[in-house]
């Protein structure tokens, strides 16, 4: 039979993970190949590039879509597990899962928006391919990888527990030079016990000034009322600097409000948060490093 497309593979893949155990992508491909009765020739069928098996590619994309919808989660490289949301989806006894169904989840909508933006950028770049330099093409590849990493990182941050989110914020602030020691930062943040983090952290290692922090692991947009309450809390403490961190985004009204007040408040939304995490090596690891070299003209000068 023909190799099923990635949407056809979504529900069987989720059902395979329904035992709540950790599974590898390799084992999932073997299971689904057997389930759909693929021949050995079909299992070995390659993409037009000749670099990857077609079945591997389609199962991989099915997993990516389900992961970005929050129904599967990555446990380690090449492994995944079903989430509570995924278990709830299975209880609905669906006959099929497709991208339209996944659009009910905010994380998947954000994922699609990012893919569309990236695709438009790539199409624009392809039109200019013949006049791009090798350095420009390398930069395009880097930006493409970074965008993909940022989206995956944001999806992981949104799924983590409030306690782990607290750890992420503390580690990021320390990497950026705030908070003094890890002990100082840990004592200053995370006292509220709700789904965010409220506290005061040192602006520098000497503690010459302090910054009030509020971080919310939210899905909804943070509006002006939330910012007004935060600013009121700052003034109540006699503070004039604050940072509001959210895994979602801020309304335009909230952004305009902050720009007009005397109190200095920095807004960090989900996209900015993961950019800072990438820049400061929080939650990411280096895969490879490439050096770009050019000829040293002075070396060949015989004067």
C-alpha atoms as a PDB file:
ATOM      1  CA  UNK A   1       0.000   0.000   0.000  1.00  0.00           C
ATOM      2  CA  UNK A   2       1.151   3.632  -0.465  1.00  0.00           C
ATOM      3  CA  UNK A   3       3.126   5.140   2.387  1.00  0.00           C
ATOM      4  CA  UNK A   4       0.614   7.143   4.487  1.00  0.00           C
ATOM      5  CA  UNK A   5       0.982  10.913   4.709  1.00  0.00           C
ATOM      6  CA  UNK A   6       1.983  12.563   7.975  1.00  0.00           C
ATOM      7  CA  UNK A   7      -1.600  13.498   8.923  1.00  0.00           C
ATOM      8  CA  UNK A   8      -2.754   9.906   8.528  1.00  0.00           C
ATOM      9  CA  UNK A   9       0.111   8.875  10.819  1.00  0.00           C
ATOM     10  CA  UNK A  10      -0.772  11.296  13.645  1.00  0.00           C
ATOM     11  CA  UNK A  11      -3.524   9.308  15.378  1.00  0.00           C
ATOM     12  CA  UNK A  12      -1.779   5.901  15.123  1.00  0.00           C
ATOM     13  CA  UNK A  13       1.398   7.501  16.477  1.00  0.00           C
ATOM     14  CA  UNK A  14      -0.489   9.015  19.415  1.00  0.00           C
ATOM     15  CA  UNK A  15      -2.202   5.683  20.107  1.00  0.00           C
ATOM     16  CA  UNK A  16       1.206   3.976  20.052  1.00  0.00           C
ATOM     17  CA  UNK A  17       2.344   6.370  22.781  1.00  0.00           C
ATOM     18  CA  UNK A  18      -0.884   5.842  24.723  1.00  0.00           C
ATOM     19  CA  UNK A  19       0.781   3.352  27.095  1.00  0.00           C
ATOM     20  CA  UNK A  20       2.450   6.429  28.700  1.00  0.00           C
ATOM     21  CA  UNK A  21       5.922   4.901  28.259  1.00  0.00           C
ATOM     22  CA  UNK A  22       8.937   6.567  26.671  1.00  0.00           C
ATOM     23  CA  UNK A  23       9.350   5.543  23.023  1.00  0.00           C
ATOM     24  CA  UNK A  24      12.041   6.106  20.434  1.00  0.00           C
ATOM     25  CA  UNK A  25      11.281   7.461  16.980  1.00  0.00           C
ATOM     26  CA  UNK A  26      12.986   4.401  15.495  1.00  0.00           C
ATOM     27  CA  UNK A  27      10.671   1.992  17.321  1.00  0.00           C
ATOM     28  CA  UNK A  28       7.643   4.088  16.389  1.00  0.00           C
ATOM     29  CA  UNK A  29       8.579   3.884  12.701  1.00  0.00           C
ATOM     30  CA  UNK A  30       8.933   0.108  12.938  1.00  0.00           C
ATOM     31  CA  UNK A  31       5.554  -0.191  14.660  1.00  0.00           C
ATOM     32  CA  UNK A  32       3.724   2.037  12.168  1.00  0.00           C
ATOM     33  CA  UNK A  33       5.366   0.357   9.175  1.00  0.00           C
ATOM     34  CA  UNK A  34       4.048  -2.974  10.408  1.00  0.00           C
ATOM     35  CA  UNK A  35       0.630  -1.478  11.250  1.00  0.00           C
ATOM     36  CA  UNK A  36       0.207  -0.145   7.698  1.00  0.00           C
ATOM     37  CA  UNK A  37       1.625  -3.309   6.132  1.00  0.00           C
ATOM     38  CA  UNK A  38       4.504  -1.641   4.312  1.00  0.00           C
ATOM     39  CA  UNK A  39       6.770  -3.836   2.228  1.00  0.00           C
ATOM     40  CA  UNK A  40      10.531  -3.858   2.629  1.00  0.00           C
ATOM     41  CA  UNK A  41      10.824  -1.828  -0.569  1.00  0.00           C
ATOM     42  CA  UNK A  42       8.392   0.783   0.769  1.00  0.00           C
ATOM     43  CA  UNK A  43      10.304   0.979   4.053  1.00  0.00           C
ATOM     44  CA  UNK A  44      13.468   1.754   2.085  1.00  0.00           C
ATOM     45  CA  UNK A  45      11.852   4.290  -0.247  1.00  0.00           C
ATOM     46  CA  UNK A  46      13.766   7.578  -0.103  1.00  0.00           C
ATOM     47  CA  UNK A  47      12.898  11.235  -0.512  1.00  0.00           C
ATOM     48  CA  UNK A  48      13.859  12.797  -3.862  1.00  0.00           C
ATOM     49  CA  UNK A  49      17.036  14.074  -2.191  1.00  0.00           C
ATOM     50  CA  UNK A  50      18.036  10.465  -1.516  1.00  0.00           C
ATOM     51  CA  UNK A  51      19.180  11.405   1.994  1.00  0.00           C
ATOM     52  CA  UNK A  52      16.300  10.154   4.149  1.00  0.00           C
ATOM     53  CA  UNK A  53      13.686   7.403   4.109  1.00  0.00           C
ATOM     54  CA  UNK A  54      10.218   8.685   3.188  1.00  0.00           C
ATOM     55  CA  UNK A  55       8.549   6.846   6.084  1.00  0.00           C
ATOM     56  CA  UNK A  56      11.105   8.239   8.553  1.00  0.00           C
ATOM     57  CA  UNK A  57      10.430  11.747   7.275  1.00  0.00           C
ATOM     58  CA  UNK A  58       6.651  11.462   7.544  1.00  0.00           C
ATOM     59  CA  UNK A  59       6.628   9.885  11.002  1.00  0.00           C
ATOM     60  CA  UNK A  60       9.102  12.549  12.086  1.00  0.00           C
ATOM     61  CA  UNK A  61       6.794  15.323  10.901  1.00  0.00           C
ATOM     62  CA  UNK A  62       3.771  13.668  12.535  1.00  0.00           C
ATOM     63  CA  UNK A  63       5.694  13.638  15.814  1.00  0.00           C
ATOM     64  CA  UNK A  64       6.767  17.269  15.347  1.00  0.00           C
ATOM     65  CA  UNK A  65       3.186  18.427  14.792  1.00  0.00           C
ATOM     66  CA  UNK A  66       1.870  16.459  17.776  1.00  0.00           C
ATOM     67  CA  UNK A  67       4.716  17.712  19.953  1.00  0.00           C
ATOM     68  CA  UNK A  68       4.057  21.329  19.033  1.00  0.00           C
ATOM     69  CA  UNK A  69       0.392  20.836  19.845  1.00  0.00           C
ATOM     70  CA  UNK A  70       1.375  19.678  23.328  1.00  0.00           C
ATOM     71  CA  UNK A  71       0.025  16.124  22.989  1.00  0.00           C
ATOM     72  CA  UNK A  72       3.490  14.568  22.829  1.00  0.00           C
ATOM     73  CA  UNK A  73       6.632  15.763  24.587  1.00  0.00           C
ATOM     74  CA  UNK A  74      10.310  15.199  23.879  1.00  0.00           C
ATOM     75  CA  UNK A  75      12.009  13.355  26.736  1.00  0.00           C
ATOM     76  CA  UNK A  76      15.503  13.259  25.234  1.00  0.00           C
ATOM     77  CA  UNK A  77      16.988  13.272  21.777  1.00  0.00           C
ATOM     78  CA  UNK A  78      15.037  10.874  19.562  1.00  0.00           C
ATOM     79  CA  UNK A  79      12.562   9.892  22.304  1.00  0.00           C
ATOM     80  CA  UNK A  80       9.076  11.055  23.219  1.00  0.00           C
ATOM     81  CA  UNK A  81       6.157  10.405  25.568  1.00  0.00           C
ATOM     82  CA  UNK A  82       2.452  11.213  25.567  1.00  0.00           C
ATOM     83  CA  UNK A  83       1.268  14.167  27.700  1.00  0.00           C
ATOM     84  CA  UNK A  84      -1.858  14.565  29.819  1.00  0.00           C
ATOM     85  CA  UNK A  85      -3.359  16.522  26.937  1.00  0.00           C
ATOM     86  CA  UNK A  86      -2.550  13.661  24.606  1.00  0.00           C
ATOM     87  CA  UNK A  87      -4.298  11.174  26.877  1.00  0.00           C
ATOM     88  CA  UNK A  88      -7.353  13.421  26.904  1.00  0.00           C
ATOM     89  CA  UNK A  89      -7.314  13.549  23.092  1.00  0.00           C
ATOM     90  CA  UNK A  90      -7.320   9.742  22.947  1.00  0.00           C
ATOM     91  CA  UNK A  91     -10.389   9.674  25.196  1.00  0.00           C
ATOM     92  CA  UNK A  92     -12.291  11.567  22.474  1.00  0.00           C
ATOM     93  CA  UNK A  93     -12.153   8.403  20.287  1.00  0.00           C
ATOM     94  CA  UNK A  94     -11.319  10.345  17.132  1.00  0.00           C
ATOM     95  CA  UNK A  95     -11.255   8.723  13.728  1.00  0.00           C
ATOM     96  CA  UNK A  96      -8.432  11.002  12.575  1.00  0.00           C
ATOM     97  CA  UNK A  97      -6.150  13.766  13.784  1.00  0.00           C
ATOM     98  CA  UNK A  98      -5.144  16.462  11.312  1.00  0.00           C
ATOM     99  CA  UNK A  99      -3.716  19.974  11.407  1.00  0.00           C
ATOM    100  CA  UNK A 100      -7.189  21.525  11.503  1.00  0.00           C
ATOM    101  CA  UNK A 101      -7.960  19.579  14.701  1.00  0.00           C
ATOM    102  CA  UNK A 102      -4.643  20.633  16.266  1.00  0.00           C
ATOM    103  CA  UNK A 103      -5.426  24.320  15.678  1.00  0.00           C
ATOM    104  CA  UNK A 104      -7.526  24.325  18.851  1.00  0.00           C
ATOM    105  CA  UNK A 105      -4.271  24.381  20.819  1.00  0.00           C
ATOM    106  CA  UNK A 106      -2.533  27.806  21.135  1.00  0.00           C
ATOM    107  CA  UNK A 107       0.949  26.280  20.951  1.00  0.00           C
ATOM    108  CA  UNK A 108       0.178  24.736  17.563  1.00  0.00           C
ATOM    109  CA  UNK A 109      -1.230  27.998  16.196  1.00  0.00           C
ATOM    110  CA  UNK A 110       2.008  29.733  17.233  1.00  0.00           C
ATOM    111  CA  UNK A 111       4.024  26.938  15.601  1.00  0.00           C
ATOM    112  CA  UNK A 112       2.147  27.310  12.302  1.00  0.00           C
ATOM    113  CA  UNK A 113       2.566  31.072  12.337  1.00  0.00           C
ATOM    114  CA  UNK A 114       6.315  30.728  12.802  1.00  0.00           C
ATOM    115  CA  UNK A 115       6.559  28.127  10.023  1.00  0.00           C
ATOM    116  CA  UNK A 116       4.639  30.434   7.664  1.00  0.00           C
ATOM    117  CA  UNK A 117       6.918  33.355   8.475  1.00  0.00           C
ATOM    118  CA  UNK A 118       9.995  31.200   7.969  1.00  0.00           C
ATOM    119  CA  UNK A 119       8.667  29.798   4.682  1.00  0.00           C
ATOM    120  CA  UNK A 120       7.961  33.278   3.330  1.00  0.00           C
ATOM    121  CA  UNK A 121      11.500  34.291   4.240  1.00  0.00           C
ATOM    122  CA  UNK A 122      12.935  31.222   2.532  1.00  0.00           C
ATOM    123  CA  UNK A 123      10.883  31.805  -0.628  1.00  0.00           C
ATOM    124  CA  UNK A 124      12.131  35.365  -0.766  1.00  0.00           C
ATOM    125  CA  UNK A 125      15.667  34.146  -0.313  1.00  0.00           C
ATOM    126  CA  UNK A 126      15.329  31.465  -3.006  1.00  0.00           C
ATOM    127  CA  UNK A 127      14.461  34.176  -5.543  1.00  0.00           C
ATOM    128  CA  UNK A 128      17.770  35.850  -4.720  1.00  0.00           C
ATOM    129  CA  UNK A 129      19.774  32.633  -4.566  1.00  0.00           C
ATOM    130  CA  UNK A 130      21.812  33.305  -7.679  1.00  0.00           C
ATOM    131  CA  UNK A 131      23.117  36.625  -6.344  1.00  0.00           C
ATOM    132  CA  UNK A 132      23.618  35.606  -2.685  1.00  0.00           C
ATOM    133  CA  UNK A 133      27.159  35.061  -1.504  1.00  0.00           C
ATOM    134  CA  UNK A 134      28.126  31.829   0.325  1.00  0.00           C
ATOM    135  CA  UNK A 135      28.262  33.853   3.554  1.00  0.00           C
ATOM    136  CA  UNK A 136      24.696  35.070   3.032  1.00  0.00           C
ATOM    137  CA  UNK A 137      23.487  31.524   2.393  1.00  0.00           C
ATOM    138  CA  UNK A 138      25.218  30.351   5.536  1.00  0.00           C
ATOM    139  CA  UNK A 139      23.532  33.149   7.491  1.00  0.00           C
ATOM    140  CA  UNK A 140      20.160  32.079   6.066  1.00  0.00           C
ATOM    141  CA  UNK A 141      20.755  28.515   7.233  1.00  0.00           C
ATOM    142  CA  UNK A 142      21.753  29.740  10.686  1.00  0.00           C
ATOM    143  CA  UNK A 143      18.645  31.900  11.032  1.00  0.00           C
ATOM    144  CA  UNK A 144      16.462  29.012   9.906  1.00  0.00           C
ATOM    145  CA  UNK A 145      17.965  26.712  12.548  1.00  0.00           C
ATOM    146  CA  UNK A 146      17.669  29.379  15.224  1.00  0.00           C
ATOM    147  CA  UNK A 147      13.986  30.036  14.464  1.00  0.00           C
ATOM    148  CA  UNK A 148      13.222  26.329  14.642  1.00  0.00           C
ATOM    149  CA  UNK A 149      15.112  26.009  17.930  1.00  0.00           C
ATOM    150  CA  UNK A 150      13.323  29.031  19.402  1.00  0.00           C
ATOM    151  CA  UNK A 151       9.915  27.594  18.561  1.00  0.00           C
ATOM    152  CA  UNK A 152      10.767  24.200  20.057  1.00  0.00           C
ATOM    153  CA  UNK A 153      12.238  25.831  23.146  1.00  0.00           C
ATOM    154  CA  UNK A 154       9.151  27.993  23.716  1.00  0.00           C
ATOM    155  CA  UNK A 155       6.910  24.946  23.400  1.00  0.00           C
ATOM    156  CA  UNK A 156       8.987  23.159  26.073  1.00  0.00           C
ATOM    157  CA  UNK A 157       8.946  26.174  28.415  1.00  0.00           C
ATOM    158  CA  UNK A 158       5.167  26.470  28.167  1.00  0.00           C
ATOM    159  CA  UNK A 159       4.749  22.814  29.162  1.00  0.00           C
ATOM    160  CA  UNK A 160       7.096  22.824  32.148  1.00  0.00           C
ATOM    161  CA  UNK A 161       5.890  23.024  35.754  1.00  0.00           C
ATOM    162  CA  UNK A 162       5.724  26.366  37.624  1.00  0.00           C
ATOM    163  CA  UNK A 163       8.634  25.209  39.790  1.00  0.00           C
ATOM    164  CA  UNK A 164      10.799  24.405  36.780  1.00  0.00           C
ATOM    165  CA  UNK A 165       9.835  27.682  35.140  1.00  0.00           C
ATOM    166  CA  UNK A 166      11.094  29.402  38.300  1.00  0.00           C
ATOM    167  CA  UNK A 167      14.415  27.583  37.877  1.00  0.00           C
ATOM    168  CA  UNK A 168      14.655  28.709  34.240  1.00  0.00           C
ATOM    169  CA  UNK A 169      14.090  32.373  35.129  1.00  0.00           C
ATOM    170  CA  UNK A 170      16.587  32.283  38.009  1.00  0.00           C
ATOM    171  CA  UNK A 171      19.268  30.637  35.853  1.00  0.00           C
ATOM    172  CA  UNK A 172      18.675  33.040  32.958  1.00  0.00           C
ATOM    173  CA  UNK A 173      18.930  36.136  35.169  1.00  0.00           C
ATOM    174  CA  UNK A 174      22.149  34.831  36.675  1.00  0.00           C
ATOM    175  CA  UNK A 175      23.621  34.114  33.230  1.00  0.00           C
ATOM    176  CA  UNK A 176      22.751  37.695  32.265  1.00  0.00           C
ATOM    177  CA  UNK A 177      24.676  39.041  35.269  1.00  0.00           C
ATOM    178  CA  UNK A 178      21.804  39.742  37.663  1.00  0.00           C
ATOM    179  CA  UNK A 179      21.012  38.344  41.087  1.00  0.00           C
ATOM    180  CA  UNK A 180      24.424  38.019  42.656  1.00  0.00           C
ATOM    181  CA  UNK A 181      24.875  34.356  43.613  1.00  0.00           C
ATOM    182  CA  UNK A 182      22.578  31.418  42.891  1.00  0.00           C
ATOM    183  CA  UNK A 183      21.648  31.374  46.566  1.00  0.00           C
ATOM    184  CA  UNK A 184      20.755  35.082  46.499  1.00  0.00           C
ATOM    185  CA  UNK A 185      18.599  34.628  43.417  1.00  0.00           C
ATOM    186  CA  UNK A 186      16.911  31.521  44.755  1.00  0.00           C
ATOM    187  CA  UNK A 187      15.970  33.280  47.982  1.00  0.00           C
ATOM    188  CA  UNK A 188      14.755  36.391  46.195  1.00  0.00           C
ATOM    189  CA  UNK A 189      12.485  34.712  43.680  1.00  0.00           C
ATOM    190  CA  UNK A 190       9.684  32.214  43.901  1.00  0.00           C
ATOM    191  CA  UNK A 191       7.949  33.218  47.127  1.00  0.00           C
ATOM    192  CA  UNK A 192       4.431  33.630  45.773  1.00  0.00           C
ATOM    193  CA  UNK A 193       3.648  29.940  45.270  1.00  0.00           C
ATOM    194  CA  UNK A 194       1.263  30.591  42.360  1.00  0.00           C
ATOM    195  CA  UNK A 195       1.814  29.887  38.672  1.00  0.00           C
ATOM    196  CA  UNK A 196       4.360  32.665  38.308  1.00  0.00           C
ATOM    197  CA  UNK A 197       7.314  34.047  40.216  1.00  0.00           C
ATOM    198  CA  UNK A 198       7.290  37.274  42.225  1.00  0.00           C
ATOM    199  CA  UNK A 199      10.304  38.657  44.007  1.00  0.00           C
ATOM    200  CA  UNK A 200      13.197  41.068  44.151  1.00  0.00           C
ATOM    201  CA  UNK A 201      16.606  40.391  42.676  1.00  0.00           C
ATOM    202  CA  UNK A 202      19.902  42.286  42.731  1.00  0.00           C
ATOM    203  CA  UNK A 203      20.623  44.358  39.646  1.00  0.00           C
ATOM    204  CA  UNK A 204      24.332  43.667  39.999  1.00  0.00           C
ATOM    205  CA  UNK A 205      26.586  41.353  41.976  1.00  0.00           C
ATOM    206  CA  UNK A 206      27.267  44.053  44.591  1.00  0.00           C
ATOM    207  CA  UNK A 207      23.581  44.691  45.184  1.00  0.00           C
ATOM    208  CA  UNK A 208      23.821  48.435  44.509  1.00  0.00           C
ATOM    209  CA  UNK A 209      20.251  48.400  43.213  1.00  0.00           C
ATOM    210  CA  UNK A 210      17.364  45.956  42.997  1.00  0.00           C
ATOM    211  CA  UNK A 211      14.837  44.931  40.364  1.00  0.00           C
ATOM    212  CA  UNK A 212      11.342  43.607  41.010  1.00  0.00           C
ATOM    213  CA  UNK A 213      10.528  40.509  38.972  1.00  0.00           C
ATOM    214  CA  UNK A 214       7.227  38.983  38.003  1.00  0.00           C
ATOM    215  CA  UNK A 215       7.066  35.965  35.713  1.00  0.00           C
ATOM    216  CA  UNK A 216       3.919  34.235  34.526  1.00  0.00           C
ATOM    217  CA  UNK A 217       3.733  30.895  32.746  1.00  0.00           C
ATOM    218  CA  UNK A 218       0.540  31.903  30.956  1.00  0.00           C
ATOM    219  CA  UNK A 219      -1.161  31.016  27.690  1.00  0.00           C
ATOM    220  CA  UNK A 220      -3.386  34.104  27.567  1.00  0.00           C
ATOM    221  CA  UNK A 221      -2.288  37.600  26.563  1.00  0.00           C
ATOM    222  CA  UNK A 222      -1.080  39.801  29.423  1.00  0.00           C
ATOM    223  CA  UNK A 223      -3.127  43.000  29.376  1.00  0.00           C
ATOM    224  CA  UNK A 224      -2.852  46.475  30.847  1.00  0.00           C
ATOM    225  CA  UNK A 225      -4.608  45.609  34.159  1.00  0.00           C
ATOM    226  CA  UNK A 226      -1.906  43.040  35.025  1.00  0.00           C
ATOM    227  CA  UNK A 227       0.824  45.598  34.270  1.00  0.00           C
ATOM    228  CA  UNK A 228      -0.949  48.255  36.346  1.00  0.00           C
ATOM    229  CA  UNK A 229      -1.053  45.900  39.326  1.00  0.00           C
ATOM    230  CA  UNK A 230       2.635  45.146  38.886  1.00  0.00           C
ATOM    231  CA  UNK A 231       3.551  48.834  38.692  1.00  0.00           C
ATOM    232  CA  UNK A 232       1.423  49.480  41.790  1.00  0.00           C
ATOM    233  CA  UNK A 233       3.357  46.778  43.636  1.00  0.00           C
ATOM    234  CA  UNK A 234       6.647  48.380  42.560  1.00  0.00           C
ATOM    235  CA  UNK A 235       5.607  51.742  43.920  1.00  0.00           C
ATOM    236  CA  UNK A 236       4.426  50.099  47.116  1.00  0.00           C
ATOM    237  CA  UNK A 237       7.954  48.786  47.624  1.00  0.00           C
ATOM    238  CA  UNK A 238       9.519  52.090  46.683  1.00  0.00           C
ATOM    239  CA  UNK A 239      11.116  50.488  43.626  1.00  0.00           C
ATOM    240  CA  UNK A 240      11.499  52.123  40.227  1.00  0.00           C
ATOM    241  CA  UNK A 241      12.676  49.185  38.110  1.00  0.00           C
ATOM    242  CA  UNK A 242      10.858  46.014  37.164  1.00  0.00           C
ATOM    243  CA  UNK A 243      10.888  43.121  34.712  1.00  0.00           C
ATOM    244  CA  UNK A 244       7.680  41.313  33.699  1.00  0.00           C
ATOM    245  CA  UNK A 245       8.269  37.948  32.043  1.00  0.00           C
ATOM    246  CA  UNK A 246       5.556  35.860  30.388  1.00  0.00           C
ATOM    247  CA  UNK A 247       5.524  32.753  28.216  1.00  0.00           C
ATOM    248  CA  UNK A 248       2.736  34.316  26.126  1.00  0.00           C
ATOM    249  CA  UNK A 249       2.591  37.922  24.879  1.00  0.00           C
ATOM    250  CA  UNK A 250       1.515  41.437  25.861  1.00  0.00           C
ATOM    251  CA  UNK A 251      -1.425  43.385  24.493  1.00  0.00           C
ATOM    252  CA  UNK A 252      -0.697  46.575  22.559  1.00  0.00           C
ATOM    253  CA  UNK A 253      -2.502  48.519  25.291  1.00  0.00           C
ATOM    254  CA  UNK A 254      -0.151  47.062  27.911  1.00  0.00           C
ATOM    255  CA  UNK A 255       2.931  47.920  25.826  1.00  0.00           C
ATOM    256  CA  UNK A 256       1.764  51.514  25.325  1.00  0.00           C
ATOM    257  CA  UNK A 257       0.977  51.878  29.042  1.00  0.00           C
ATOM    258  CA  UNK A 258       4.498  50.842  30.065  1.00  0.00           C
ATOM    259  CA  UNK A 259       6.071  53.221  27.544  1.00  0.00           C
ATOM    260  CA  UNK A 260       4.301  56.231  29.094  1.00  0.00           C
ATOM    261  CA  UNK A 261       4.946  55.749  32.827  1.00  0.00           C
ATOM    262  CA  UNK A 262       7.900  57.033  34.824  1.00  0.00           C
ATOM    263  CA  UNK A 263       8.646  53.621  36.368  1.00  0.00           C
ATOM    264  CA  UNK A 264      11.089  51.634  34.232  1.00  0.00           C
ATOM    265  CA  UNK A 265       9.441  48.307  33.347  1.00  0.00           C
ATOM    266  CA  UNK A 266      10.924  45.871  30.829  1.00  0.00           C
ATOM    267  CA  UNK A 267       8.520  43.458  29.132  1.00  0.00           C
ATOM    268  CA  UNK A 268       9.799  40.026  28.060  1.00  0.00           C
ATOM    269  CA  UNK A 269       7.316  37.926  26.112  1.00  0.00           C
ATOM    270  CA  UNK A 270       7.667  34.263  25.192  1.00  0.00           C
ATOM    271  CA  UNK A 271       9.590  34.901  21.972  1.00  0.00           C
ATOM    272  CA  UNK A 272      12.017  37.282  23.664  1.00  0.00           C
ATOM    273  CA  UNK A 273      12.426  34.872  26.587  1.00  0.00           C
ATOM    274  CA  UNK A 274      13.606  31.999  24.400  1.00  0.00           C
ATOM    275  CA  UNK A 275      15.876  34.326  22.404  1.00  0.00           C
ATOM    276  CA  UNK A 276      17.569  35.291  25.667  1.00  0.00           C
ATOM    277  CA  UNK A 277      17.765  31.628  26.668  1.00  0.00           C
ATOM    278  CA  UNK A 278      19.488  30.761  23.383  1.00  0.00           C
ATOM    279  CA  UNK A 279      21.903  33.704  23.633  1.00  0.00           C
ATOM    280  CA  UNK A 280      22.818  32.791  27.213  1.00  0.00           C
ATOM    281  CA  UNK A 281      22.938  28.987  26.777  1.00  0.00           C
ATOM    282  CA  UNK A 282      20.002  28.192  29.049  1.00  0.00           C
ATOM    283  CA  UNK A 283      18.154  24.996  28.110  1.00  0.00           C
ATOM    284  CA  UNK A 284      20.212  24.538  24.926  1.00  0.00           C
ATOM    285  CA  UNK A 285      23.525  22.906  24.063  1.00  0.00           C
ATOM    286  CA  UNK A 286      26.011  23.496  21.279  1.00  0.00           C
ATOM    287  CA  UNK A 287      25.689  21.067  18.389  1.00  0.00           C
ATOM    288  CA  UNK A 288      28.459  22.327  16.116  1.00  0.00           C
ATOM    289  CA  UNK A 289      30.720  25.326  15.584  1.00  0.00           C
ATOM    290  CA  UNK A 290      31.900  26.580  12.202  1.00  0.00           C
ATOM    291  CA  UNK A 291      34.707  29.067  11.649  1.00  0.00           C
ATOM    292  CA  UNK A 292      34.571  31.343   8.622  1.00  0.00           C
ATOM    293  CA  UNK A 293      38.037  32.321   7.497  1.00  0.00           C
ATOM    294  CA  UNK A 294      39.360  34.666   4.838  1.00  0.00           C
ATOM    295  CA  UNK A 295      42.759  35.129   3.329  1.00  0.00           C
ATOM    296  CA  UNK A 296      45.202  37.274   5.308  1.00  0.00           C
ATOM    297  CA  UNK A 297      46.422  39.759   2.712  1.00  0.00           C
ATOM    298  CA  UNK A 298      49.067  41.173   5.069  1.00  0.00           C
ATOM    299  CA  UNK A 299      50.641  37.732   5.389  1.00  0.00           C
ATOM    300  CA  UNK A 300      51.440  37.611   1.686  1.00  0.00           C
ATOM    301  CA  UNK A 301      52.866  41.136   1.577  1.00  0.00           C
ATOM    302  CA  UNK A 302      56.569  40.841   0.789  1.00  0.00           C
ATOM    303  CA  UNK A 303      57.433  44.415   1.719  1.00  0.00           C
END
